[in-house]
C-alpha atoms as a PDB file:
ATOM      1  CA  UNK A   1       0.041  -0.041  -0.085  1.00  0.00           C
ATOM      2  CA  UNK A   2       1.404   3.297  -1.021  1.00  0.00           C
ATOM      3  CA  UNK A   3       0.683   6.414   0.865  1.00  0.00           C
ATOM      4  CA  UNK A   4       1.053   9.760  -0.756  1.00  0.00           C
ATOM      5  CA  UNK A   5       1.191  13.107   0.781  1.00  0.00           C
ATOM      6  CA  UNK A   6      -0.051  16.502   0.026  1.00  0.00           C
ATOM      7  CA  UNK A   7      -0.041  19.880   2.190  1.00  0.00           C
ATOM      8  CA  UNK A   8      -3.549  20.778   3.708  1.00  0.00           C
ATOM      9  CA  UNK A   9      -5.287  23.651   1.721  1.00  0.00           C
ATOM     10  CA  UNK A  10      -8.031  25.932   2.954  1.00  0.00           C
ATOM     11  CA  UNK A  11     -10.421  23.777   0.374  1.00  0.00           C
ATOM     12  CA  UNK A  12      -9.718  20.834   2.698  1.00  0.00           C
ATOM     13  CA  UNK A  13     -11.398  22.563   5.713  1.00  0.00           C
ATOM     14  CA  UNK A  14     -15.000  21.131   5.233  1.00  0.00           C
ATOM     15  CA  UNK A  15     -13.344  17.741   5.255  1.00  0.00           C
ATOM     16  CA  UNK A  16     -11.334  18.353   8.207  1.00  0.00           C
ATOM     17  CA  UNK A  17     -14.403  19.732  10.048  1.00  0.00           C
ATOM     18  CA  UNK A  18     -16.170  16.438   9.370  1.00  0.00           C
ATOM     19  CA  UNK A  19     -13.134  14.403  10.526  1.00  0.00           C
ATOM     20  CA  UNK A  20     -12.799  16.283  13.733  1.00  0.00           C
ATOM     21  CA  UNK A  21     -16.649  15.964  14.463  1.00  0.00           C
ATOM     22  CA  UNK A  22     -16.325  12.081  14.204  1.00  0.00           C
ATOM     23  CA  UNK A  23     -16.545  10.729  17.725  1.00  0.00           C
ATOM     24  CA  UNK A  24     -13.308   8.661  17.909  1.00  0.00           C
ATOM     25  CA  UNK A  25     -11.468  11.462  16.425  1.00  0.00           C
ATOM     26  CA  UNK A  26     -13.040  13.968  18.665  1.00  0.00           C
ATOM     27  CA  UNK A  27     -12.148  11.915  21.767  1.00  0.00           C
ATOM     28  CA  UNK A  28      -8.207  12.423  21.111  1.00  0.00           C
ATOM     29  CA  UNK A  29      -8.249  15.472  18.892  1.00  0.00           C
ATOM     30  CA  UNK A  30     -10.403  17.831  20.966  1.00  0.00           C
ATOM     31  CA  UNK A  31     -11.032  20.623  18.424  1.00  0.00           C
ATOM     32  CA  UNK A  32     -13.770  23.039  18.042  1.00  0.00           C
ATOM     33  CA  UNK A  33     -15.364  22.317  14.588  1.00  0.00           C
ATOM     34  CA  UNK A  34     -16.976  25.612  13.692  1.00  0.00           C
ATOM     35  CA  UNK A  35     -15.709  26.983  10.266  1.00  0.00           C
ATOM     36  CA  UNK A  36     -14.016  29.808  12.233  1.00  0.00           C
ATOM     37  CA  UNK A  37     -12.471  27.417  14.778  1.00  0.00           C
ATOM     38  CA  UNK A  38     -11.003  25.135  11.745  1.00  0.00           C
ATOM     39  CA  UNK A  39      -9.806  28.339   9.954  1.00  0.00           C
ATOM     40  CA  UNK A  40      -8.092  29.542  13.150  1.00  0.00           C
ATOM     41  CA  UNK A  41      -6.598  26.155  13.936  1.00  0.00           C
ATOM     42  CA  UNK A  42      -5.371  25.237  10.560  1.00  0.00           C
ATOM     43  CA  UNK A  43      -5.514  28.376   8.401  1.00  0.00           C
ATOM     44  CA  UNK A  44      -1.968  29.685   9.101  1.00  0.00           C
ATOM     45  CA  UNK A  45      -0.441  26.297   8.275  1.00  0.00           C
ATOM     46  CA  UNK A  46      -2.375  25.979   5.020  1.00  0.00           C
ATOM     47  CA  UNK A  47      -1.223  29.399   3.920  1.00  0.00           C
ATOM     48  CA  UNK A  48       2.305  28.680   4.863  1.00  0.00           C
ATOM     49  CA  UNK A  49       2.366  31.341   7.441  1.00  0.00           C
ATOM     50  CA  UNK A  50       3.647  29.188  10.223  1.00  0.00           C
ATOM     51  CA  UNK A  51       6.364  26.670  10.557  1.00  0.00           C
ATOM     52  CA  UNK A  52       4.252  23.683  11.545  1.00  0.00           C
ATOM     53  CA  UNK A  53       2.988  21.634   8.671  1.00  0.00           C
ATOM     54  CA  UNK A  54      -0.413  19.858   8.012  1.00  0.00           C
ATOM     55  CA  UNK A  55      -0.292  17.048   5.654  1.00  0.00           C
ATOM     56  CA  UNK A  56      -3.203  14.864   4.154  1.00  0.00           C
ATOM     57  CA  UNK A  57      -2.285  11.149   3.873  1.00  0.00           C
ATOM     58  CA  UNK A  58      -3.746   9.815   0.632  1.00  0.00           C
ATOM     59  CA  UNK A  59      -4.504   6.291  -0.475  1.00  0.00           C
ATOM     60  CA  UNK A  60      -5.155   5.858  -4.012  1.00  0.00           C
ATOM     61  CA  UNK A  61      -5.366   9.611  -4.301  1.00  0.00           C
ATOM     62  CA  UNK A  62      -8.037   9.921  -1.622  1.00  0.00           C
ATOM     63  CA  UNK A  63      -7.562  11.556   1.694  1.00  0.00           C
ATOM     64  CA  UNK A  64      -7.911   9.191   4.753  1.00  0.00           C
ATOM     65  CA  UNK A  65      -5.690  10.809   7.364  1.00  0.00           C
ATOM     66  CA  UNK A  66      -4.143  14.066   8.728  1.00  0.00           C
ATOM     67  CA  UNK A  67      -0.465  14.175  10.092  1.00  0.00           C
ATOM     68  CA  UNK A  68       1.033  17.398  11.768  1.00  0.00           C
ATOM     69  CA  UNK A  69       4.706  17.790  11.738  1.00  0.00           C
ATOM     70  CA  UNK A  70       6.610  20.347  13.439  1.00  0.00           C
ATOM     71  CA  UNK A  71      10.098  21.164  14.965  1.00  0.00           C
ATOM     72  CA  UNK A  72      10.046  21.618  18.731  1.00  0.00           C
ATOM     73  CA  UNK A  73      12.247  24.810  18.540  1.00  0.00           C
ATOM     74  CA  UNK A  74       9.366  26.411  16.756  1.00  0.00           C
ATOM     75  CA  UNK A  75       6.994  25.833  19.575  1.00  0.00           C
ATOM     76  CA  UNK A  76       8.499  26.616  22.948  1.00  0.00           C
ATOM     77  CA  UNK A  77       5.159  26.462  24.648  1.00  0.00           C
ATOM     78  CA  UNK A  78       5.454  22.633  24.043  1.00  0.00           C
ATOM     79  CA  UNK A  79       9.251  22.226  24.279  1.00  0.00           C
ATOM     80  CA  UNK A  80       9.668  23.827  27.603  1.00  0.00           C
ATOM     81  CA  UNK A  81       7.194  21.489  29.604  1.00  0.00           C
ATOM     82  CA  UNK A  82       8.490  18.316  27.594  1.00  0.00           C
ATOM     83  CA  UNK A  83      12.192  19.284  28.445  1.00  0.00           C
ATOM     84  CA  UNK A  84      11.197  18.910  32.104  1.00  0.00           C
ATOM     85  CA  UNK A  85      10.352  15.253  31.364  1.00  0.00           C
ATOM     86  CA  UNK A  86      13.036  14.120  28.816  1.00  0.00           C
ATOM     87  CA  UNK A  87      15.811  15.393  26.832  1.00  0.00           C
ATOM     88  CA  UNK A  88      14.565  17.103  23.576  1.00  0.00           C
ATOM     89  CA  UNK A  89      17.832  17.690  21.565  1.00  0.00           C
ATOM     90  CA  UNK A  90      18.131  20.848  19.233  1.00  0.00           C
ATOM     91  CA  UNK A  91      16.593  20.031  15.856  1.00  0.00           C
ATOM     92  CA  UNK A  92      14.070  17.460  17.326  1.00  0.00           C
ATOM     93  CA  UNK A  93      10.925  17.010  15.307  1.00  0.00           C
ATOM     94  CA  UNK A  94       7.479  15.900  16.417  1.00  0.00           C
ATOM     95  CA  UNK A  95       4.354  14.457  14.788  1.00  0.00           C
ATOM     96  CA  UNK A  96       0.762  14.108  15.431  1.00  0.00           C
ATOM     97  CA  UNK A  97      -1.665  11.933  13.390  1.00  0.00           C
ATOM     98  CA  UNK A  98      -5.005  10.579  12.867  1.00  0.00           C
ATOM     99  CA  UNK A  99      -6.587   8.007  10.515  1.00  0.00           C
ATOM    100  CA  UNK A 100      -9.865   9.730   9.884  1.00  0.00           C
ATOM    101  CA  UNK A 101     -11.711   7.232   7.723  1.00  0.00           C
ATOM    102  CA  UNK A 102     -13.508   4.876  10.188  1.00  0.00           C
ATOM    103  CA  UNK A 103     -13.462   1.865   7.752  1.00  0.00           C
ATOM    104  CA  UNK A 104      -9.712   2.131   7.451  1.00  0.00           C
ATOM    105  CA  UNK A 105      -8.939   2.090  11.201  1.00  0.00           C
ATOM    106  CA  UNK A 106      -7.359  -0.983  12.693  1.00  0.00           C
ATOM    107  CA  UNK A 107      -5.687  -1.957   9.362  1.00  0.00           C
ATOM    108  CA  UNK A 108      -1.965  -0.612  10.189  1.00  0.00           C
ATOM    109  CA  UNK A 109      -2.481   2.457   8.059  1.00  0.00           C
ATOM    110  CA  UNK A 110      -1.543   4.688  11.074  1.00  0.00           C
ATOM    111  CA  UNK A 111       1.687   2.801  11.438  1.00  0.00           C
ATOM    112  CA  UNK A 112       2.347   3.112   7.702  1.00  0.00           C
ATOM    113  CA  UNK A 113       1.586   6.958   7.783  1.00  0.00           C
ATOM    114  CA  UNK A 114       4.096   7.372  10.596  1.00  0.00           C
ATOM    115  CA  UNK A 115       6.869   5.387   8.789  1.00  0.00           C
ATOM    116  CA  UNK A 116       6.179   7.256   5.541  1.00  0.00           C
ATOM    117  CA  UNK A 117       6.369  10.603   7.184  1.00  0.00           C
ATOM    118  CA  UNK A 118       9.434   9.544   9.109  1.00  0.00           C
ATOM    119  CA  UNK A 119      11.339   8.623   5.940  1.00  0.00           C
ATOM    120  CA  UNK A 120      10.032  12.006   4.509  1.00  0.00           C
ATOM    121  CA  UNK A 121      11.341  13.842   7.649  1.00  0.00           C
ATOM    122  CA  UNK A 122      14.758  12.313   7.588  1.00  0.00           C
ATOM    123  CA  UNK A 123      15.143  13.357   3.904  1.00  0.00           C
ATOM    124  CA  UNK A 124      13.630  16.821   4.321  1.00  0.00           C
ATOM    125  CA  UNK A 125      15.402  17.712   7.658  1.00  0.00           C
ATOM    126  CA  UNK A 126      18.918  16.243   7.535  1.00  0.00           C
ATOM    127  CA  UNK A 127      19.915  17.934  10.809  1.00  0.00           C
ATOM    128  CA  UNK A 128      16.948  16.465  12.783  1.00  0.00           C
ATOM    129  CA  UNK A 129      18.515  13.949  15.174  1.00  0.00           C
ATOM    130  CA  UNK A 130      15.162  12.443  16.313  1.00  0.00           C
ATOM    131  CA  UNK A 131      11.426  12.618  16.394  1.00  0.00           C
ATOM    132  CA  UNK A 132       9.883  12.967  19.911  1.00  0.00           C
ATOM    133  CA  UNK A 133       6.237  12.423  20.346  1.00  0.00           C
ATOM    134  CA  UNK A 134       4.236  12.724  23.619  1.00  0.00           C
ATOM    135  CA  UNK A 135       0.873  10.758  23.880  1.00  0.00           C
ATOM    136  CA  UNK A 136      -1.874  10.789  26.532  1.00  0.00           C
ATOM    137  CA  UNK A 137      -1.205   7.515  28.435  1.00  0.00           C
ATOM    138  CA  UNK A 138      -4.797   6.576  27.905  1.00  0.00           C
ATOM    139  CA  UNK A 139      -4.540   6.655  23.996  1.00  0.00           C
ATOM    140  CA  UNK A 140      -3.293   3.102  23.617  1.00  0.00           C
ATOM    141  CA  UNK A 141      -3.799   2.937  19.840  1.00  0.00           C
ATOM    142  CA  UNK A 142      -1.677   5.905  19.218  1.00  0.00           C
ATOM    143  CA  UNK A 143       1.257   4.771  21.420  1.00  0.00           C
ATOM    144  CA  UNK A 144       1.062   1.202  19.979  1.00  0.00           C
ATOM    145  CA  UNK A 145       1.180   2.752  16.398  1.00  0.00           C
ATOM    146  CA  UNK A 146       4.330   4.516  17.391  1.00  0.00           C
ATOM    147  CA  UNK A 147       5.862   1.300  18.849  1.00  0.00           C
ATOM    148  CA  UNK A 148       5.010  -0.554  15.744  1.00  0.00           C
ATOM    149  CA  UNK A 149       6.710   2.276  13.587  1.00  0.00           C
ATOM    150  CA  UNK A 150       9.965   1.675  15.558  1.00  0.00           C
ATOM    151  CA  UNK A 151       9.594   4.335  18.310  1.00  0.00           C
ATOM    152  CA  UNK A 152      10.604   3.488  22.075  1.00  0.00           C
ATOM    153  CA  UNK A 153       9.113   4.912  25.040  1.00  0.00           C
ATOM    154  CA  UNK A 154      11.689   6.989  26.773  1.00  0.00           C
ATOM    155  CA  UNK A 155       9.860   8.811  29.473  1.00  0.00           C
ATOM    156  CA  UNK A 156       6.642   9.570  31.170  1.00  0.00           C
ATOM    157  CA  UNK A 157       5.218  12.365  33.011  1.00  0.00           C
ATOM    158  CA  UNK A 158       2.571  15.093  33.274  1.00  0.00           C
ATOM    159  CA  UNK A 159       1.754  17.288  30.386  1.00  0.00           C
ATOM    160  CA  UNK A 160      -1.213  19.405  29.646  1.00  0.00           C
ATOM    161  CA  UNK A 161      -3.837  16.927  28.072  1.00  0.00           C
ATOM    162  CA  UNK A 162      -5.329  17.971  24.583  1.00  0.00           C
ATOM    163  CA  UNK A 163      -8.731  16.778  26.086  1.00  0.00           C
ATOM    164  CA  UNK A 164      -9.580  18.239  29.359  1.00  0.00           C
ATOM    165  CA  UNK A 165     -11.234  14.981  30.458  1.00  0.00           C
ATOM    166  CA  UNK A 166      -7.788  13.152  30.459  1.00  0.00           C
ATOM    167  CA  UNK A 167      -5.334  12.955  33.212  1.00  0.00           C
ATOM    168  CA  UNK A 168      -2.140  14.717  32.460  1.00  0.00           C
ATOM    169  CA  UNK A 169       0.008  11.428  32.286  1.00  0.00           C
ATOM    170  CA  UNK A 170       1.778  11.146  29.054  1.00  0.00           C
ATOM    171  CA  UNK A 171       4.139   8.610  27.512  1.00  0.00           C
ATOM    172  CA  UNK A 172       7.050  10.091  25.521  1.00  0.00           C
ATOM    173  CA  UNK A 173       8.176   8.141  22.602  1.00  0.00           C
ATOM    174  CA  UNK A 174      11.336   8.794  20.648  1.00  0.00           C
ATOM    175  CA  UNK A 175      12.954   7.491  17.333  1.00  0.00           C
ATOM    176  CA  UNK A 176      16.606   8.534  16.372  1.00  0.00           C
ATOM    177  CA  UNK A 177      17.734   9.150  12.883  1.00  0.00           C
ATOM    178  CA  UNK A 178      18.996   5.791  11.337  1.00  0.00           C
END
């Protein structure tokens, strides 16, 4: 199965709203889904006005997932609390991801998405020493996907949860450049 990628555009926002409204997505991606909120959350990235990148994962040309990629150095509000739990080397990157199409969940596509974007990250960011991903401890599917993609749990500790119903405990996963 070949996953291809394209950057998120503003034309994709209605689809993103639908994805974020889906109950299993909403559980872990706690976003408002009004048109204004989606514009606020994803607009700057779609226009290339911020360093974080939002990518659509495509299977046979059809979007089925979303992956966000960023350098921790561009977001000190995430870097600083994470650095209290584990070392985050200069140049470290992070990913956040979701398989949005319900019928495609549980088939390994999340793992393939992560592996595919890792390969792309190593090629596009030659100075990135590693990718570090904090995951809410209760999000077992997410941290299992990271493990299957080759990440190792390197720490655990309290971070602000994306969803206020979650406790602050997070597992931190890391993979070093091969």
